[in-house]
Amino acid sequence: MKALILLISCGLLQIPCCWAGTLIVAVHTSNGRPLAGAVVTVHSVTGTNRPGSPVTAVMDQINRTFVPDLLVIPVGSTVAFPNSDSVSHQIYSFSPARRFQLPLYHGKPYPPVSFDQAGLVTLGCNIHDSMVAYVVVTDAAYFGRTDATGSWSVEAPPATYKVSVWQPRMEGTLEKEVTVAGERAELTIRLNRALKPAPLEARHSWDAY
């Protein structure tokens, strides 16, 4: 019995219920090209959903753009909005998930903004109409953005998951289910519509597709 306890405490005895598989999600445009920077969120359908731990993020303002111009954060997180630009900005959001306004400022005059409700928050500047950014607030256990190859992966325990994909130029959100039941599960999501045209300024990270 002492030997069995020692094996367990040292991690030498493999317990089948504790393993996790690798979930790989690939996102492609309607013409088959990899879609980089797409937001991927994963909710468990058959297991327990535990939102990620809150974080403190930063979205700066440089050269009349938000940097970065897309954040994905867990519910309960905060975002600081410093202005490192050479001009003043007035940031606002009319989105139901988080309405707020930071009156005209430069530098770091305001405390971080809290985001306590899941949803998409669209940001703008009352002075510069070309400035647009997004904060995706999620209650998903797993989330991230696709890389340059259009892929994203996560280690997840056995379960069936609902995978949601969104990008600013998409028409809505796409959702599919996938089951992790082995060491590796792969899901490819292909957009059923072409991306919306990019703004003429081509100033945003999602404009290049």
Protein backbone atom coordinates (compact mmCIF):
# COMPACT_ATOMS: atom_id res chain seq x y z
CA MET A 1 0.00 0.00 0.00
CA LYS A 2 2.86 2.40 0.83
CA ALA A 3 4.38 1.76 -2.60
CA LEU A 4 1.06 2.57 -4.33
CA ILE A 5 0.76 5.85 -2.42
CA LEU A 6 4.32 6.73 -3.37
CA LEU A 7 3.65 6.07 -7.07
CA ILE A 8 0.59 8.30 -7.04
CA SER A 9 2.28 11.15 -5.15
CA CYS A 10 5.23 11.10 -7.55
CA GLY A 11 3.01 11.14 -10.63
CA LEU A 12 4.32 7.73 -11.80
CA LEU A 13 0.95 5.99 -11.84
CA GLN A 14 -1.15 7.01 -14.83
CA ILE A 15 -4.80 7.70 -13.96
CA PRO A 16 -7.01 7.46 -17.12
CA CYS A 17 -9.53 10.07 -15.95
CA CYS A 18 -6.88 12.78 -15.67
CA TRP A 19 -5.64 12.93 -19.26
CA ALA A 20 -6.37 15.73 -21.69
CA GLY A 21 -6.36 15.73 -25.46
CA THR A 22 -5.21 18.39 -27.88
CA LEU A 23 -8.03 20.22 -29.63
CA ILE A 24 -6.86 21.81 -32.88
CA VAL A 25 -9.13 24.32 -34.61
CA ALA A 26 -8.41 25.51 -38.16
CA VAL A 27 -10.32 28.47 -39.60
CA HIS A 28 -10.51 29.10 -43.35
CA THR A 29 -12.14 31.81 -45.43
CA SER A 30 -14.89 30.89 -47.89
CA ASN A 31 -12.26 30.48 -50.63
CA GLY A 32 -10.13 28.16 -48.51
CA ARG A 33 -7.44 30.57 -47.30
CA PRO A 34 -6.31 30.39 -43.64
CA LEU A 35 -7.86 33.11 -41.51
CA ALA A 36 -5.35 34.55 -39.06
CA GLY A 37 -6.42 36.51 -35.97
CA ALA A 38 -9.90 34.98 -35.73
CA VAL A 39 -11.30 34.76 -32.19
CA VAL A 40 -11.96 31.18 -31.04
CA THR A 41 -13.98 30.42 -27.89
CA VAL A 42 -14.67 26.92 -26.56
CA HIS A 43 -17.55 26.04 -24.21
CA SER A 44 -18.13 22.54 -22.84
CA VAL A 45 -21.46 20.98 -23.85
CA THR A 46 -21.18 17.84 -21.69
CA GLY A 47 -18.87 19.01 -18.91
CA THR A 48 -18.43 21.95 -16.57
CA ASN A 49 -17.67 25.44 -17.86
CA ARG A 50 -15.31 27.47 -15.73
CA PRO A 51 -14.44 30.94 -17.07
CA GLY A 52 -10.81 31.90 -17.24
CA SER A 53 -9.27 33.95 -14.44
CA PRO A 54 -9.66 37.74 -14.85
CA VAL A 55 -6.69 39.63 -16.25
CA THR A 56 -5.54 43.23 -16.54
CA ALA A 57 -5.01 44.11 -20.21
CA VAL A 58 -3.82 47.24 -21.98
CA MET A 59 -5.10 48.82 -25.19
CA ASP A 60 -3.00 51.84 -26.13
CA GLN A 61 -3.56 54.56 -28.75
CA ILE A 62 -0.70 55.18 -31.19
CA ASN A 63 -0.72 56.96 -34.57
CA ARG A 64 -4.51 57.34 -34.36
CA THR A 65 -5.07 53.59 -33.98
CA PHE A 66 -5.81 51.27 -31.07
CA VAL A 67 -2.90 48.97 -30.21
CA PRO A 68 -3.84 46.17 -30.14
CA ASP A 69 -7.12 46.70 -31.97
CA LEU A 70 -8.67 43.43 -30.75
CA LEU A 71 -8.53 41.94 -27.26
CA VAL A 72 -10.03 38.69 -25.93
CA ILE A 73 -10.44 38.69 -22.15
CA PRO A 74 -12.29 36.63 -19.51
CA VAL A 75 -15.33 38.04 -17.73
CA GLY A 76 -14.31 40.19 -14.77
CA SER A 77 -11.15 41.51 -16.42
CA THR A 78 -10.08 45.13 -16.68
CA VAL A 79 -8.53 47.08 -19.55
CA ALA A 80 -6.39 50.18 -19.27
CA PHE A 81 -6.61 52.69 -22.13
CA PRO A 82 -3.49 54.88 -22.06
CA ASN A 83 -3.04 57.44 -24.82
CA SER A 84 0.54 57.41 -26.12
CA ASP A 85 -0.46 59.36 -29.21
CA SER A 86 0.63 62.89 -30.07
CA VAL A 87 -3.01 64.04 -30.00
CA SER A 88 -5.91 63.68 -27.56
CA HIS A 89 -8.65 61.05 -27.94
CA GLN A 90 -12.13 60.51 -26.54
CA ILE A 91 -12.88 56.78 -26.27
CA TYR A 92 -16.42 55.42 -26.08
CA SER A 93 -18.52 52.27 -26.36
CA PHE A 94 -22.26 52.03 -26.91
CA SER A 95 -22.23 48.20 -26.83
CA PRO A 96 -24.76 46.56 -24.46
CA ALA A 97 -22.03 44.38 -22.91
CA ARG A 98 -20.21 47.51 -21.68
CA ARG A 99 -21.16 51.14 -22.18
CA PHE A 100 -18.61 53.75 -21.16
CA GLN A 101 -16.89 56.96 -22.21
CA LEU A 102 -13.47 58.40 -21.44
CA PRO A 103 -13.67 62.16 -22.11
CA LEU A 104 -10.97 63.87 -24.15
CA TYR A 105 -7.55 63.01 -22.73
CA HIS A 106 -3.88 62.37 -23.35
CA GLY A 107 -1.53 60.17 -21.30
CA LYS A 108 -2.98 58.05 -18.46
CA PRO A 109 -5.65 60.05 -16.60
CA TYR A 110 -8.29 57.31 -16.14
CA PRO A 111 -8.37 54.05 -14.13
CA PRO A 112 -8.81 50.73 -15.99
CA VAL A 113 -12.32 49.90 -17.23
CA SER A 114 -13.94 46.72 -15.87
CA PHE A 115 -15.74 44.25 -18.14
CA ASP A 116 -18.14 42.12 -16.09
CA GLN A 117 -20.52 40.91 -18.80
CA ALA A 118 -19.75 38.52 -21.65
CA GLY A 119 -20.22 39.94 -25.13
CA LEU A 120 -18.67 41.96 -27.92
CA VAL A 121 -17.66 45.53 -27.12
CA THR A 122 -16.98 47.87 -30.03
CA LEU A 123 -14.79 50.89 -29.33
CA GLY A 124 -14.45 54.17 -31.18
CA CYS A 125 -13.07 57.68 -30.82
CA ASN A 126 -15.37 60.70 -30.95
CA ILE A 127 -12.58 62.74 -32.54
CA HIS A 128 -11.21 60.26 -35.12
CA ASP A 129 -13.87 58.20 -36.89
CA SER A 130 -11.33 55.82 -38.46
CA MET A 131 -10.34 54.49 -35.03
CA VAL A 132 -12.13 51.19 -34.34
CA ALA A 133 -11.29 48.40 -31.92
CA TYR A 134 -12.99 45.43 -30.27
CA VAL A 135 -12.93 43.78 -26.87
CA VAL A 136 -14.36 40.26 -26.80
CA VAL A 137 -15.38 39.44 -23.23
CA THR A 138 -15.91 35.70 -22.81
CA ASP A 139 -17.09 33.28 -20.13
CA ALA A 140 -15.54 30.36 -22.03
CA ALA A 141 -13.03 28.07 -20.33
CA TYR A 142 -10.77 28.18 -23.40
CA PHE A 143 -10.23 30.99 -25.86
CA GLY A 144 -7.64 32.56 -28.14
CA ARG A 145 -6.89 33.74 -31.68
CA THR A 146 -5.72 31.83 -34.71
CA ASP A 147 -2.11 32.16 -35.83
CA ALA A 148 -0.73 33.00 -39.30
CA THR A 149 -1.71 29.52 -40.53
CA GLY A 150 -5.31 29.97 -39.36
CA SER A 151 -4.85 27.46 -36.51
CA TRP A 152 -5.32 27.51 -32.74
CA SER A 153 -4.98 24.67 -30.23
CA VAL A 154 -5.61 23.94 -26.56
CA GLU A 155 -5.30 21.04 -24.13
CA ALA A 156 -8.80 20.02 -23.02
CA PRO A 157 -10.25 17.10 -21.02
CA PRO A 158 -12.60 14.56 -22.67
CA ALA A 159 -15.94 16.21 -23.48
CA THR A 160 -18.04 17.59 -26.30
CA TYR A 161 -17.39 21.25 -26.95
CA LYS A 162 -19.10 24.09 -28.79
CA VAL A 163 -16.48 26.01 -30.76
CA SER A 164 -17.35 29.57 -31.83
CA VAL A 165 -15.38 31.65 -34.33
CA TRP A 166 -15.61 35.39 -34.94
CA GLN A 167 -13.62 38.04 -36.80
CA PRO A 168 -14.55 41.71 -37.40
CA ARG A 169 -15.11 41.20 -41.11
CA MET A 170 -17.29 38.11 -40.70
CA GLU A 171 -21.07 38.12 -41.02
CA GLY A 172 -21.89 37.03 -37.47
CA THR A 173 -20.42 34.07 -35.58
CA LEU A 174 -19.92 30.49 -36.75
CA GLU A 175 -20.39 27.60 -34.31
CA LYS A 176 -19.63 23.88 -34.52
CA GLU A 177 -19.39 21.01 -32.05
CA VAL A 178 -16.42 18.71 -31.62
CA THR A 179 -15.71 15.82 -29.24
CA VAL A 180 -12.36 15.31 -27.55
CA ALA A 181 -12.15 11.57 -26.92
CA GLY A 182 -8.51 10.77 -27.63
CA GLU A 183 -5.10 12.34 -27.71
CA ARG A 184 -6.00 14.61 -30.62
CA ALA A 185 -9.20 16.12 -32.02
CA GLU A 186 -9.27 18.35 -35.11
CA LEU A 187 -11.97 20.72 -36.32
CA THR A 188 -11.92 22.80 -39.49
CA ILE A 189 -14.35 25.70 -39.75
CA ARG A 190 -14.79 27.23 -43.18
CA LEU A 191 -16.67 30.49 -43.55
CA ASN A 192 -19.87 30.12 -45.57
CA ARG A 193 -19.68 33.73 -46.81
CA ALA A 194 -16.96 36.00 -48.10
CA LEU A 195 -15.48 38.47 -45.64
CA LYS A 196 -16.92 41.97 -45.63
CA PRO A 197 -14.80 44.54 -47.53
CA ALA A 198 -11.98 46.14 -45.58
CA PRO A 199 -12.12 49.88 -44.85
CA LEU A 200 -10.31 52.01 -47.40
CA GLU A 201 -7.78 53.13 -44.78
CA ALA A 202 -6.50 49.53 -44.28
CA ARG A 203 -5.31 50.53 -40.81
CA HIS A 204 -6.52 47.52 -38.84
CA SER A 205 -5.01 44.10 -38.18
CA TRP A 206 -7.98 42.35 -39.81
CA ASP A 207 -7.93 44.39 -43.06
CA ALA A 208 -5.47 42.25 -45.03
CA TYR A 209 -7.77 39.36 -45.95
